[in-house]
Amino acid sequence: MSNLGEVTRDTFDEMVGSVSGPIFIDVWGPECQPCLALAPTYESLAEKHGEDHFLKLLAKTNRMLCANLRVLSLPTFLYFEDGEEKDRLTGEPSAQELIDWVEASMSQKEVSA
């Protein structure tokens, strides 16, 4: 299991809503094979860009938060910037699609900074 922070309904505002800068959230489930397959890629992106920008959200124990975020399928990757959702990646992306999406999101932030 990763060392990435786990966001919950109780910690969402503190960990995402009030943080300046980019935050990625991996919404996952232990029975979701695509989620488990993409976990190593997500964790390597966290190592590359800084683990404080990458969080995990266990859908099974945070159903109300998932509903509030309009997460309808797993895996879902959310990108927040300055507490506001800017983009999401859903379905079953390949590892390369996840890498490209995170890299593009990070470079957008660098351009606007």
PDB file of N, CA and C in Angstrom:
ATOM      1  N   MET A   1       0.844  -1.194   0.000  1.00  0.00           N
ATOM      2  CA  MET A   1       0.000   0.000   0.000  1.00  0.00           C
ATOM      3  C   MET A   1       0.879   1.243   0.000  1.00  0.00           C
ATOM      4  N   SER A   2       0.375   2.295  -0.544  1.00  0.00           N
ATOM      5  CA  SER A   2       1.164   3.515  -0.718  1.00  0.00           C
ATOM      6  C   SER A   2       1.238   4.332   0.570  1.00  0.00           C
ATOM      7  N   ASN A   3       2.112   5.309   0.544  1.00  0.00           N
ATOM      8  CA  ASN A   3       2.235   6.257   1.641  1.00  0.00           C
ATOM      9  C   ASN A   3       1.447   7.525   1.359  1.00  0.00           C
ATOM     10  N   LEU A   4       0.646   7.521   0.302  1.00  0.00           N
ATOM     11  CA  LEU A   4      -0.108   8.708  -0.061  1.00  0.00           C
ATOM     12  C   LEU A   4      -1.207   8.965   0.954  1.00  0.00           C
ATOM     13  N   GLY A   5      -1.527  10.240   1.135  1.00  0.00           N
ATOM     14  CA  GLY A   5      -2.575  10.608   2.064  1.00  0.00           C
ATOM     15  C   GLY A   5      -3.932  10.118   1.607  1.00  0.00           C
ATOM     16  N   GLU A   6      -4.736   9.708   2.567  1.00  0.00           N
ATOM     17  CA  GLU A   6      -6.110   9.271   2.295  1.00  0.00           C
ATOM     18  C   GLU A   6      -7.045  10.418   2.644  1.00  0.00           C
ATOM     19  N   VAL A   7      -7.828  10.848   1.676  1.00  0.00           N
ATOM     20  CA  VAL A   7      -8.810  11.892   1.925  1.00  0.00           C
ATOM     21  C   VAL A   7     -10.146  11.223   2.236  1.00  0.00           C
ATOM     22  N   THR A   8     -10.885  11.814   3.166  1.00  0.00           N
ATOM     23  CA  THR A   8     -12.203  11.327   3.559  1.00  0.00           C
ATOM     24  C   THR A   8     -13.164  12.506   3.571  1.00  0.00           C
ATOM     25  N   ARG A   9     -14.424  12.191   3.818  1.00  0.00           N
ATOM     26  CA  ARG A   9     -15.426  13.263   3.921  1.00  0.00           C
ATOM     27  C   ARG A   9     -15.026  14.259   5.003  1.00  0.00           C
ATOM     28  N   ASP A  10     -14.478  13.752   6.098  1.00  0.00           N
ATOM     29  CA  ASP A  10     -14.115  14.611   7.224  1.00  0.00           C
ATOM     30  C   ASP A  10     -12.865  15.443   6.976  1.00  0.00           C
ATOM     31  N   THR A  11     -11.990  14.982   6.089  1.00  0.00           N
ATOM     32  CA  THR A  11     -10.734  15.701   5.860  1.00  0.00           C
ATOM     33  C   THR A  11     -10.679  16.414   4.511  1.00  0.00           C
ATOM     34  N   PHE A  12     -11.733  16.272   3.697  1.00  0.00           N
ATOM     35  CA  PHE A  12     -11.704  16.817   2.342  1.00  0.00           C
ATOM     36  C   PHE A  12     -11.432  18.316   2.322  1.00  0.00           C
ATOM     37  N   ASP A  13     -12.174  19.099   3.097  1.00  0.00           N
ATOM     38  CA  ASP A  13     -11.994  20.562   3.071  1.00  0.00           C
ATOM     39  C   ASP A  13     -10.585  20.961   3.468  1.00  0.00           C
ATOM     40  N   GLU A  14     -10.045  20.288   4.459  1.00  0.00           N
ATOM     41  CA  GLU A  14      -8.692  20.608   4.923  1.00  0.00           C
ATOM     42  C   GLU A  14      -7.632  20.177   3.910  1.00  0.00           C
ATOM     43  N   MET A  15      -7.791  18.993   3.350  1.00  0.00           N
ATOM     44  CA  MET A  15      -6.756  18.432   2.476  1.00  0.00           C
ATOM     45  C   MET A  15      -6.868  18.897   1.028  1.00  0.00           C
ATOM     46  N   VAL A  16      -8.052  19.348   0.615  1.00  0.00           N
ATOM     47  CA  VAL A  16      -8.254  19.731  -0.781  1.00  0.00           C
ATOM     48  C   VAL A  16      -8.823  21.134  -0.903  1.00  0.00           C
ATOM     49  N   GLY A  17      -9.889  21.392  -0.199  1.00  0.00           N
ATOM     50  CA  GLY A  17     -10.614  22.644  -0.365  1.00  0.00           C
ATOM     51  C   GLY A  17      -9.862  23.889   0.030  1.00  0.00           C
ATOM     52  N   SER A  18      -8.960  23.783   0.987  1.00  0.00           N
ATOM     53  CA  SER A  18      -8.257  24.971   1.471  1.00  0.00           C
ATOM     54  C   SER A  18      -6.783  24.997   1.069  1.00  0.00           C
ATOM     55  N   VAL A  19      -6.388  24.108   0.168  1.00  0.00           N
ATOM     56  CA  VAL A  19      -4.989  24.016  -0.240  1.00  0.00           C
ATOM     57  C   VAL A  19      -4.788  24.757  -1.548  1.00  0.00           C
ATOM     58  N   SER A  20      -3.759  25.589  -1.603  1.00  0.00           N
ATOM     59  CA  SER A  20      -3.445  26.241  -2.873  1.00  0.00           C
ATOM     60  C   SER A  20      -2.524  25.327  -3.673  1.00  0.00           C
ATOM     61  N   GLY A  21      -2.691  25.360  -4.969  1.00  0.00           N
ATOM     62  CA  GLY A  21      -1.877  24.531  -5.836  1.00  0.00           C
ATOM     63  C   GLY A  21      -2.617  23.292  -6.287  1.00  0.00           C
ATOM     64  N   PRO A  22      -1.947  22.482  -7.100  1.00  0.00           N
ATOM     65  CA  PRO A  22      -2.587  21.306  -7.682  1.00  0.00           C
ATOM     66  C   PRO A  22      -2.695  20.143  -6.705  1.00  0.00           C
ATOM     67  N   ILE A  23      -3.845  19.465  -6.758  1.00  0.00           N
ATOM     68  CA  ILE A  23      -4.090  18.253  -5.976  1.00  0.00           C
ATOM     69  C   ILE A  23      -4.757  17.237  -6.895  1.00  0.00           C
ATOM     70  N   PHE A  24      -4.227  16.031  -6.914  1.00  0.00           N
ATOM     71  CA  PHE A  24      -4.822  14.928  -7.662  1.00  0.00           C
ATOM     72  C   PHE A  24      -5.393  13.934  -6.659  1.00  0.00           C
ATOM     73  N   ILE A  25      -6.564  13.393  -6.987  1.00  0.00           N
ATOM     74  CA  ILE A  25      -7.195  12.404  -6.126  1.00  0.00           C
ATOM     75  C   ILE A  25      -7.517  11.173  -6.957  1.00  0.00           C
ATOM     76  N   ASP A  26      -7.046  10.039  -6.488  1.00  0.00           N
ATOM     77  CA  ASP A  26      -7.344   8.743  -7.083  1.00  0.00           C
ATOM     78  C   ASP A  26      -8.526   8.159  -6.319  1.00  0.00           C
ATOM     79  N   VAL A  27      -9.697   8.132  -6.957  1.00  0.00           N
ATOM     80  CA  VAL A  27     -10.876   7.525  -6.344  1.00  0.00           C
ATOM     81  C   VAL A  27     -10.872   6.063  -6.777  1.00  0.00           C
ATOM     82  N   TRP A  28     -10.760   5.173  -5.798  1.00  0.00           N
ATOM     83  CA  TRP A  28     -10.510   3.773  -6.111  1.00  0.00           C
ATOM     84  C   TRP A  28     -11.304   2.847  -5.204  1.00  0.00           C
ATOM     85  N   GLY A  29     -11.245   1.573  -5.535  1.00  0.00           N
ATOM     86  CA  GLY A  29     -11.866   0.538  -4.722  1.00  0.00           C
ATOM     87  C   GLY A  29     -11.018  -0.716  -4.757  1.00  0.00           C
ATOM     88  N   PRO A  30     -10.980  -1.480  -3.670  1.00  0.00           N
ATOM     89  CA  PRO A  30     -10.125  -2.666  -3.602  1.00  0.00           C
ATOM     90  C   PRO A  30     -10.570  -3.790  -4.533  1.00  0.00           C
ATOM     91  N   GLU A  31     -11.828  -3.782  -4.987  1.00  0.00           N
ATOM     92  CA  GLU A  31     -12.300  -4.803  -5.915  1.00  0.00           C
ATOM     93  C   GLU A  31     -12.172  -4.363  -7.370  1.00  0.00           C
ATOM     94  N   CYS A  32     -11.721  -3.153  -7.598  1.00  0.00           N
ATOM     95  CA  CYS A  32     -11.624  -2.564  -8.940  1.00  0.00           C
ATOM     96  C   CYS A  32     -10.264  -2.916  -9.545  1.00  0.00           C
ATOM     97  N   GLN A  33     -10.267  -3.856 -10.476  1.00  0.00           N
ATOM     98  CA  GLN A  33      -9.003  -4.296 -11.085  1.00  0.00           C
ATOM     99  C   GLN A  33      -8.283  -3.170 -11.833  1.00  0.00           C
ATOM    100  N   PRO A  34      -8.967  -2.320 -12.612  1.00  0.00           N
ATOM    101  CA  PRO A  34      -8.266  -1.200 -13.245  1.00  0.00           C
ATOM    102  C   PRO A  34      -7.655  -0.246 -12.213  1.00  0.00           C
ATOM    103  N   CYS A  35      -8.339  -0.065 -11.085  1.00  0.00           N
ATOM    104  CA  CYS A  35      -7.796   0.792 -10.011  1.00  0.00           C
ATOM    105  C   CYS A  35      -6.478   0.218  -9.504  1.00  0.00           C
ATOM    106  N   LEU A  36      -6.480  -1.069  -9.234  1.00  0.00           N
ATOM    107  CA  LEU A  36      -5.282  -1.728  -8.708  1.00  0.00           C
ATOM    108  C   LEU A  36      -4.164  -1.729  -9.741  1.00  0.00           C
ATOM    109  N   ALA A  37      -4.520  -1.887 -11.014  1.00  0.00           N
ATOM    110  CA  ALA A  37      -3.508  -1.895 -12.069  1.00  0.00           C
ATOM    111  C   ALA A  37      -2.857  -0.530 -12.238  1.00  0.00           C
ATOM    112  N   LEU A  38      -3.613   0.550 -12.028  1.00  0.00           N
ATOM    113  CA  LEU A  38      -3.074   1.903 -12.211  1.00  0.00           C
ATOM    114  C   LEU A  38      -2.386   2.450 -10.958  1.00  0.00           C
ATOM    115  N   ALA A  39      -2.560   1.798  -9.824  1.00  0.00           N
ATOM    116  CA  ALA A  39      -1.986   2.298  -8.567  1.00  0.00           C
ATOM    117  C   ALA A  39      -0.479   2.515  -8.640  1.00  0.00           C
ATOM    118  N   PRO A  40       0.310   1.586  -9.192  1.00  0.00           N
ATOM    119  CA  PRO A  40       1.753   1.839  -9.253  1.00  0.00           C
ATOM    120  C   PRO A  40       2.116   3.052 -10.117  1.00  0.00           C
ATOM    121  N   THR A  41       1.380   3.270 -11.200  1.00  0.00           N
ATOM    122  CA  THR A  41       1.628   4.434 -12.047  1.00  0.00           C
ATOM    123  C   THR A  41       1.320   5.714 -11.290  1.00  0.00           C
ATOM    124  N   TYR A  42       0.193   5.740 -10.599  1.00  0.00           N
ATOM    125  CA  TYR A  42      -0.204   6.908  -9.814  1.00  0.00           C
ATOM    126  C   TYR A  42       0.831   7.197  -8.728  1.00  0.00           C
ATOM    127  N   GLU A  43       1.293   6.160  -8.070  1.00  0.00           N
ATOM    128  CA  GLU A  43       2.290   6.335  -7.012  1.00  0.00           C
ATOM    129  C   GLU A  43       3.620   6.827  -7.569  1.00  0.00           C
ATOM    130  N   SER A  44       4.003   6.377  -8.761  1.00  0.00           N
ATOM    131  CA  SER A  44       5.254   6.871  -9.351  1.00  0.00           C
ATOM    132  C   SER A  44       5.112   8.333  -9.758  1.00  0.00           C
ATOM    133  N   LEU A  45       3.931   8.735 -10.203  1.00  0.00           N
ATOM    134  CA  LEU A  45       3.697  10.152 -10.498  1.00  0.00           C
ATOM    135  C   LEU A  45       3.793  10.986  -9.224  1.00  0.00           C
ATOM    136  N   ALA A  46       3.288  10.448  -8.127  1.00  0.00           N
ATOM    137  CA  ALA A  46       3.380  11.146  -6.840  1.00  0.00           C
ATOM    138  C   ALA A  46       4.835  11.319  -6.418  1.00  0.00           C
ATOM    139  N   GLU A  47       5.639  10.284  -6.619  1.00  0.00           N
ATOM    140  CA  GLU A  47       7.070  10.389  -6.288  1.00  0.00           C
ATOM    141  C   GLU A  47       7.742  11.446  -7.150  1.00  0.00           C
ATOM    142  N   LYS A  48       7.374  11.505  -8.401  1.00  0.00           N
ATOM    143  CA  LYS A  48       7.993  12.462  -9.328  1.00  0.00           C
ATOM    144  C   LYS A  48       7.600  13.905  -9.018  1.00  0.00           C
ATOM    145  N   HIS A  49       6.306  14.139  -8.736  1.00  0.00           N
ATOM    146  CA  HIS A  49       5.795  15.504  -8.600  1.00  0.00           C
ATOM    147  C   HIS A  49       5.609  15.952  -7.155  1.00  0.00           C
ATOM    148  N   GLY A  50       5.794  15.063  -6.209  1.00  0.00           N
ATOM    149  CA  GLY A  50       5.624  15.421  -4.795  1.00  0.00           C
ATOM    150  C   GLY A  50       4.368  14.814  -4.221  1.00  0.00           C
ATOM    151  N   GLU A  51       4.544  13.949  -3.247  1.00  0.00           N
ATOM    152  CA  GLU A  51       3.423  13.203  -2.680  1.00  0.00           C
ATOM    153  C   GLU A  51       2.368  14.097  -2.050  1.00  0.00           C
ATOM    154  N   ASP A  52       2.728  15.321  -1.667  1.00  0.00           N
ATOM    155  CA  ASP A  52       1.737  16.211  -1.070  1.00  0.00           C
ATOM    156  C   ASP A  52       0.688  16.671  -2.080  1.00  0.00           C
ATOM    157  N   HIS A  53       0.912  16.429  -3.381  1.00  0.00           N
ATOM    158  CA  HIS A  53      -0.048  16.796  -4.421  1.00  0.00           C
ATOM    159  C   HIS A  53      -0.954  15.632  -4.823  1.00  0.00           C
ATOM    160  N   PHE A  54      -0.766  14.457  -4.237  1.00  0.00           N
ATOM    161  CA  PHE A  54      -1.474  13.248  -4.651  1.00  0.00           C
ATOM    162  C   PHE A  54      -2.136  12.584  -3.450  1.00  0.00           C
ATOM    163  N   LEU A  55      -3.437  12.373  -3.574  1.00  0.00           N
ATOM    164  CA  LEU A  55      -4.212  11.756  -2.502  1.00  0.00           C
ATOM    165  C   LEU A  55      -4.989  10.573  -3.052  1.00  0.00           C
ATOM    166  N   LYS A  56      -5.462   9.737  -2.150  1.00  0.00           N
ATOM    167  CA  LYS A  56      -6.305   8.604  -2.521  1.00  0.00           C
ATOM    168  C   LYS A  56      -7.623   8.737  -1.768  1.00  0.00           C
ATOM    169  N   LEU A  57      -8.699   8.288  -2.411  1.00  0.00           N
ATOM    170  CA  LEU A  57     -10.022   8.321  -1.818  1.00  0.00           C
ATOM    171  C   LEU A  57     -10.647   6.946  -2.011  1.00  0.00           C
ATOM    172  N   LEU A  58     -10.847   6.241  -0.925  1.00  0.00           N
ATOM    173  CA  LEU A  58     -11.465   4.913  -0.965  1.00  0.00           C
ATOM    174  C   LEU A  58     -12.973   5.094  -1.097  1.00  0.00           C
ATOM    175  N   ALA A  59     -13.496   4.754  -2.275  1.00  0.00           N
ATOM    176  CA  ALA A  59     -14.903   5.007  -2.578  1.00  0.00           C
ATOM    177  C   ALA A  59     -15.846   4.268  -1.634  1.00  0.00           C
ATOM    178  N   LYS A  60     -15.508   3.053  -1.309  1.00  0.00           N
ATOM    179  CA  LYS A  60     -16.375   2.186  -0.509  1.00  0.00           C
ATOM    180  C   LYS A  60     -16.733   2.795   0.851  1.00  0.00           C
ATOM    181  N   THR A  61     -15.802   3.483   1.471  1.00  0.00           N
ATOM    182  CA  THR A  61     -16.047   4.044   2.801  1.00  0.00           C
ATOM    183  C   THR A  61     -16.366   5.541   2.763  1.00  0.00           C
ATOM    184  N   ASN A  62     -16.466   6.091   1.572  1.00  0.00           N
ATOM    185  CA  ASN A  62     -16.738   7.529   1.427  1.00  0.00           C
ATOM    186  C   ASN A  62     -17.805   7.767   0.358  1.00  0.00           C
ATOM    187  N   ARG A  63     -18.882   7.030   0.445  1.00  0.00           N
ATOM    188  CA  ARG A  63     -19.918   7.085  -0.599  1.00  0.00           C
ATOM    189  C   ARG A  63     -20.567   8.461  -0.722  1.00  0.00           C
ATOM    190  N   MET A  64     -20.825   9.118   0.390  1.00  0.00           N
ATOM    191  CA  MET A  64     -21.445  10.450   0.320  1.00  0.00           C
ATOM    192  C   MET A  64     -20.510  11.454  -0.348  1.00  0.00           C
ATOM    193  N   LEU A  65     -19.237  11.392  -0.022  1.00  0.00           N
ATOM    194  CA  LEU A  65     -18.282  12.292  -0.657  1.00  0.00           C
ATOM    195  C   LEU A  65     -18.206  12.003  -2.151  1.00  0.00           C
ATOM    196  N   CYS A  66     -18.193  10.734  -2.521  1.00  0.00           N
ATOM    197  CA  CYS A  66     -18.181  10.374  -3.948  1.00  0.00           C
ATOM    198  C   CYS A  66     -19.434  10.906  -4.643  1.00  0.00           C
ATOM    199  N   ALA A  67     -20.570  10.805  -3.993  1.00  0.00           N
ATOM    200  CA  ALA A  67     -21.808  11.336  -4.575  1.00  0.00           C
ATOM    201  C   ALA A  67     -21.721  12.847  -4.737  1.00  0.00           C
ATOM    202  N   ASN A  68     -21.195  13.529  -3.724  1.00  0.00           N
ATOM    203  CA  ASN A  68     -21.043  14.986  -3.799  1.00  0.00           C
ATOM    204  C   ASN A  68     -20.083  15.396  -4.912  1.00  0.00           C
ATOM    205  N   LEU A  69     -19.085  14.568  -5.163  1.00  0.00           N
ATOM    206  CA  LEU A  69     -18.109  14.851  -6.222  1.00  0.00           C
ATOM    207  C   LEU A  69     -18.577  14.339  -7.588  1.00  0.00           C
ATOM    208  N   ARG A  70     -19.747  13.710  -7.627  1.00  0.00           N
ATOM    209  CA  ARG A  70     -20.321  13.159  -8.851  1.00  0.00           C
ATOM    210  C   ARG A  70     -19.417  12.092  -9.473  1.00  0.00           C
ATOM    211  N   VAL A  71     -18.844  11.264  -8.626  1.00  0.00           N
ATOM    212  CA  VAL A  71     -18.051  10.132  -9.095  1.00  0.00           C
ATOM    213  C   VAL A  71     -19.011   8.982  -9.337  1.00  0.00           C
ATOM    214  N   LEU A  72     -19.105   8.554 -10.591  1.00  0.00           N
ATOM    215  CA  LEU A  72     -20.077   7.534 -10.965  1.00  0.00           C
ATOM    216  C   LEU A  72     -19.438   6.202 -11.310  1.00  0.00           C
ATOM    217  N   SER A  73     -18.123   6.188 -11.519  1.00  0.00           N
ATOM    218  CA  SER A  73     -17.456   4.933 -11.866  1.00  0.00           C
ATOM    219  C   SER A  73     -16.023   4.958 -11.355  1.00  0.00           C
ATOM    220  N   LEU A  74     -15.457   3.780 -11.261  1.00  0.00           N
ATOM    221  CA  LEU A  74     -14.073   3.637 -10.828  1.00  0.00           C
ATOM    222  C   LEU A  74     -13.277   3.001 -11.956  1.00  0.00           C
ATOM    223  N   PRO A  75     -12.047   3.387 -12.088  1.00  0.00           N
ATOM    224  CA  PRO A  75     -11.372   4.456 -11.366  1.00  0.00           C
ATOM    225  C   PRO A  75     -11.779   5.831 -11.898  1.00  0.00           C
ATOM    226  N   THR A  76     -11.691   6.804 -11.020  1.00  0.00           N
ATOM    227  CA  THR A  76     -11.848   8.209 -11.387  1.00  0.00           C
ATOM    228  C   THR A  76     -10.689   8.962 -10.768  1.00  0.00           C
ATOM    229  N   PHE A  77     -10.073   9.788 -11.560  1.00  0.00           N
ATOM    230  CA  PHE A  77      -8.981  10.644 -11.094  1.00  0.00           C
ATOM    231  C   PHE A  77      -9.460  12.080 -11.196  1.00  0.00           C
ATOM    232  N   LEU A  78      -9.342  12.810 -10.099  1.00  0.00           N
ATOM    233  CA  LEU A  78      -9.792  14.195 -10.033  1.00  0.00           C
ATOM    234  C   LEU A  78      -8.589  15.118  -9.925  1.00  0.00           C
ATOM    235  N   TYR A  79      -8.680  16.252 -10.593  1.00  0.00           N
ATOM    236  CA  TYR A  79      -7.628  17.267 -10.514  1.00  0.00           C
ATOM    237  C   TYR A  79      -8.246  18.538  -9.949  1.00  0.00           C
ATOM    238  N   PHE A  80      -7.738  18.968  -8.803  1.00  0.00           N
ATOM    239  CA  PHE A  80      -8.165  20.206  -8.161  1.00  0.00           C
ATOM    240  C   PHE A  80      -7.015  21.200  -8.191  1.00  0.00           C
ATOM    241  N   GLU A  81      -7.385  22.446  -8.359  1.00  0.00           N
ATOM    242  CA  GLU A  81      -6.396  23.520  -8.299  1.00  0.00           C
ATOM    243  C   GLU A  81      -6.985  24.619  -7.434  1.00  0.00           C
ATOM    244  N   ASP A  82      -6.276  24.975  -6.389  1.00  0.00           N
ATOM    245  CA  ASP A  82      -6.730  25.994  -5.450  1.00  0.00           C
ATOM    246  C   ASP A  82      -8.132  25.699  -4.931  1.00  0.00           C
ATOM    247  N   GLY A  83      -8.389  24.412  -4.629  1.00  0.00           N
ATOM    248  CA  GLY A  83      -9.644  23.998  -4.027  1.00  0.00           C
ATOM    249  C   GLY A  83     -10.803  23.795  -4.979  1.00  0.00           C
ATOM    250  N   GLU A  84     -10.595  23.997  -6.277  1.00  0.00           N
ATOM    251  CA  GLU A  84     -11.668  23.870  -7.268  1.00  0.00           C
ATOM    252  C   GLU A  84     -11.340  22.761  -8.264  1.00  0.00           C
ATOM    253  N   GLU A  85     -12.336  21.912  -8.539  1.00  0.00           N
ATOM    254  CA  GLU A  85     -12.103  20.855  -9.518  1.00  0.00           C
ATOM    255  C   GLU A  85     -11.919  21.461 -10.897  1.00  0.00           C
ATOM    256  N   LYS A  86     -10.821  21.079 -11.550  1.00  0.00           N
ATOM    257  CA  LYS A  86     -10.500  21.593 -12.876  1.00  0.00           C
ATOM    258  C   LYS A  86     -10.684  20.553 -13.969  1.00  0.00           C
ATOM    259  N   ASP A  87     -10.496  19.269 -13.629  1.00  0.00           N
ATOM    260  CA  ASP A  87     -10.568  18.232 -14.646  1.00  0.00           C
ATOM    261  C   ASP A  87     -10.732  16.882 -13.958  1.00  0.00           C
ATOM    262  N   ARG A  88     -11.102  15.884 -14.756  1.00  0.00           N
ATOM    263  CA  ARG A  88     -11.194  14.514 -14.253  1.00  0.00           C
ATOM    264  C   ARG A  88     -10.918  13.556 -15.390  1.00  0.00           C
ATOM    265  N   LEU A  89     -10.450  12.387 -15.002  1.00  0.00           N
ATOM    266  CA  LEU A  89     -10.173  11.298 -15.930  1.00  0.00           C
ATOM    267  C   LEU A  89     -10.928  10.092 -15.405  1.00  0.00           C
ATOM    268  N   THR A  90     -11.838   9.554 -16.225  1.00  0.00           N
ATOM    269  CA  THR A  90     -12.667   8.440 -15.777  1.00  0.00           C
ATOM    270  C   THR A  90     -12.588   7.280 -16.763  1.00  0.00           C
ATOM    271  N   GLY A  91     -13.214   6.190 -16.372  1.00  0.00           N
ATOM    272  CA  GLY A  91     -13.223   5.017 -17.230  1.00  0.00           C
ATOM    273  C   GLY A  91     -12.050   4.128 -16.894  1.00  0.00           C
ATOM    274  N   GLU A  92     -11.472   3.563 -17.911  1.00  0.00           N
ATOM    275  CA  GLU A  92     -10.312   2.695 -17.720  1.00  0.00           C
ATOM    276  C   GLU A  92      -9.148   3.203 -18.557  1.00  0.00           C
ATOM    277  N   PRO A  93      -8.534   4.307 -18.119  1.00  0.00           N
ATOM    278  CA  PRO A  93      -7.411   4.832 -18.895  1.00  0.00           C
ATOM    279  C   PRO A  93      -6.218   3.888 -18.810  1.00  0.00           C
ATOM    280  N   SER A  94      -5.393   3.956 -19.817  1.00  0.00           N
ATOM    281  CA  SER A  94      -4.137   3.206 -19.769  1.00  0.00           C
ATOM    282  C   SER A  94      -3.180   3.946 -18.839  1.00  0.00           C
ATOM    283  N   ALA A  95      -2.119   3.283 -18.467  1.00  0.00           N
ATOM    284  CA  ALA A  95      -1.096   3.928 -17.638  1.00  0.00           C
ATOM    285  C   ALA A  95      -0.546   5.163 -18.348  1.00  0.00           C
ATOM    286  N   GLN A  96      -0.332   5.048 -19.653  1.00  0.00           N
ATOM    287  CA  GLN A  96       0.202   6.184 -20.406  1.00  0.00           C
ATOM    288  C   GLN A  96      -0.792   7.339 -20.455  1.00  0.00           C
ATOM    289  N   GLU A  97      -2.082   7.042 -20.570  1.00  0.00           N
ATOM    290  CA  GLU A  97      -3.098   8.104 -20.558  1.00  0.00           C
ATOM    291  C   GLU A  97      -3.107   8.819 -19.210  1.00  0.00           C
ATOM    292  N   LEU A  98      -2.945   8.081 -18.129  1.00  0.00           N
ATOM    293  CA  LEU A  98      -2.883   8.700 -16.799  1.00  0.00           C
ATOM    294  C   LEU A  98      -1.652   9.586 -16.688  1.00  0.00           C
ATOM    295  N   ILE A  99      -0.520   9.090 -17.135  1.00  0.00           N
ATOM    296  CA  ILE A  99       0.721   9.883 -17.107  1.00  0.00           C
ATOM    297  C   ILE A  99       0.543  11.157 -17.917  1.00  0.00           C
ATOM    298  N   ASP A 100       0.048  11.032 -19.134  1.00  0.00           N
ATOM    299  CA  ASP A 100      -0.131  12.195 -20.005  1.00  0.00           C
ATOM    300  C   ASP A 100      -1.088  13.210 -19.398  1.00  0.00           C
ATOM    301  N   TRP A 101      -2.177  12.724 -18.773  1.00  0.00           N
ATOM    302  CA  TRP A 101      -3.164  13.615 -18.164  1.00  0.00           C
ATOM    303  C   TRP A 101      -2.554  14.392 -16.990  1.00  0.00           C
ATOM    304  N   VAL A 102      -1.827  13.686 -16.123  1.00  0.00           N
ATOM    305  CA  VAL A 102      -1.194  14.366 -14.983  1.00  0.00           C
ATOM    306  C   VAL A 102      -0.141  15.355 -15.475  1.00  0.00           C
ATOM    307  N   GLU A 103       0.682  14.936 -16.409  1.00  0.00           N
ATOM    308  CA  GLU A 103       1.735  15.824 -16.934  1.00  0.00           C
ATOM    309  C   GLU A 103       1.126  17.072 -17.573  1.00  0.00           C
ATOM    310  N   ALA A 104       0.060  16.907 -18.342  1.00  0.00           N
ATOM    311  CA  ALA A 104      -0.599  18.047 -18.972  1.00  0.00           C
ATOM    312  C   ALA A 104      -1.196  18.975 -17.915  1.00  0.00           C
ATOM    313  N   SER A 105      -1.809  18.412 -16.900  1.00  0.00           N
ATOM    314  CA  SER A 105      -2.395  19.220 -15.818  1.00  0.00           C
ATOM    315  C   SER A 105      -1.314  19.985 -15.073  1.00  0.00           C
ATOM    316  N   MET A 106      -0.195  19.326 -14.799  1.00  0.00           N
ATOM    317  CA  MET A 106       0.907  19.984 -14.089  1.00  0.00           C
ATOM    318  C   MET A 106       1.519  21.090 -14.952  1.00  0.00           C
ATOM    319  N   SER A 107       1.655  20.871 -16.244  1.00  0.00           N
ATOM    320  CA  SER A 107       2.255  21.902 -17.101  1.00  0.00           C
ATOM    321  C   SER A 107       1.298  23.071 -17.273  1.00  0.00           C
ATOM    322  N   GLN A 108      -0.022  22.826 -17.255  1.00  0.00           N
ATOM    323  CA  GLN A 108      -0.997  23.932 -17.292  1.00  0.00           C
ATOM    324  C   GLN A 108      -0.830  24.810 -16.065  1.00  0.00           C
ATOM    325  N   LYS A 109      -0.618  24.186 -14.912  1.00  0.00           N
ATOM    326  CA  LYS A 109      -0.446  24.944 -13.668  1.00  0.00           C
ATOM    327  C   LYS A 109       0.815  25.783 -13.741  1.00  0.00           C
ATOM    328  N   GLU A 110       1.904  25.216 -14.305  1.00  0.00           N
ATOM    329  CA  GLU A 110       3.156  25.947 -14.421  1.00  0.00           C
ATOM    330  C   GLU A 110       3.008  27.135 -15.359  1.00  0.00           C
ATOM    331  N   VAL A 111       2.234  26.989 -16.437  1.00  0.00           N
ATOM    332  CA  VAL A 111       2.014  28.061 -17.396  1.00  0.00           C
ATOM    333  C   VAL A 111       1.225  29.192 -16.755  1.00  0.00           C
ATOM    334  N   SER A 112       0.210  28.843 -15.940  1.00  0.00           N
ATOM    335  CA  SER A 112      -0.630  29.875 -15.344  1.00  0.00           C
ATOM    336  C   SER A 112      -0.017  30.482 -14.092  1.00  0.00           C
ATOM    337  N   ALA A 113       1.058  29.896 -13.568  1.00  0.00           N
ATOM    338  CA  ALA A 113       1.683  30.415 -12.346  1.00  0.00           C
ATOM    339  C   ALA A 113       2.501  31.651 -12.605  1.00  0.00           C
TER     340      ALA A 113
END
